[in-house]
Amino acid sequence: MKKMKKNLMVLLAGLLLFPVNVHAQWIRPNHFVNQKGAQRIAEIKRFQAQNNLVVTGGLNKETKNMLYNQDLRARDVVKNPPSQGYWIVVNKTRLFLTLYKGDQVAGKYPVCLGTSRTSTPSGKGKIQNRQINPAWGGMNGKYKAIGANDPRNPLGERWMGLNLPGKSGYGIHGTIKPHQIGTYSSNGCIRMYNYDIENFVYPRMTLGAPVWIGTDTELANMGILQVIEKGASQAQNQETPVEKEVSPKAMSLY
């Protein structure tokens, strides 16, 4: 017994002198790890948008790599921005909207875009009107019109109409179907989570603000690169800025 106690004391002393080297796994800041259900999916979509990933709402390989690999970073390159104020780029390949101020990222948000039959048009346009609690006209008689403040109104509570060359009737707005964010399900408009458009995008947009829409390739031809780079831990930290942190409980889907 004495010998056993002596051996135990020696072992404890060794542990104190040579502590076990245990490191917690590095994880990128996010709001979804401790969430469940629809809120978790919504926060995964926001994380993907903020990090230039294709928005899916699922923890796929690319999302896990960004979550745990600190050598990766999202980076935007904007050549010749059309404004030094706030303006918008919508990435049709990756399903997110970027709010820029000049050539700097001010925020990134997941969106829902048009289907293959009712695709969201590409091009350079601008904000031509803004409205709080808009009525919905029913797409020129295709559907029954719905008034403002009606819970069935597909526009949500914010509307920003777009002036796009050769196109009409398109806009950026809220949604009553938040589960469709991160999909190609709209009639061509750009849908956002109500919380995101109401708190971050709509308040910063002015009439005439530029809005550019395109695929990765189309945006590259416009001078916009939205990429993921390796070697970020050796480079200066230039991770995509995110909006001021808000309690997940306050970040309602609706």
Foldseek 3Di string as FASTA:
>chain_A
DVVVVVVVVVVVVVCVVPPDDDDDQDFDDFQQPPDDDPLNLQRLQQQCQLFVHQRDSDCDPVNVCNGRPPQKAKDKWFDPDPAQAWAWEAAPARQKIFIDRRGATPAIFGKEFADPVQGADFDKKWFADKFFQQWAPQVVPVGHTGHGPDLVGQQPGIWTFIDGVPDGDETEGEGSCLVRGSYNHDNRHIYGQRLCCVPPNVVRGDGGGMYGYDHQVVVVVVRMHIDMDGRCVVPDDDHHDHPDDDNSVVSDSD
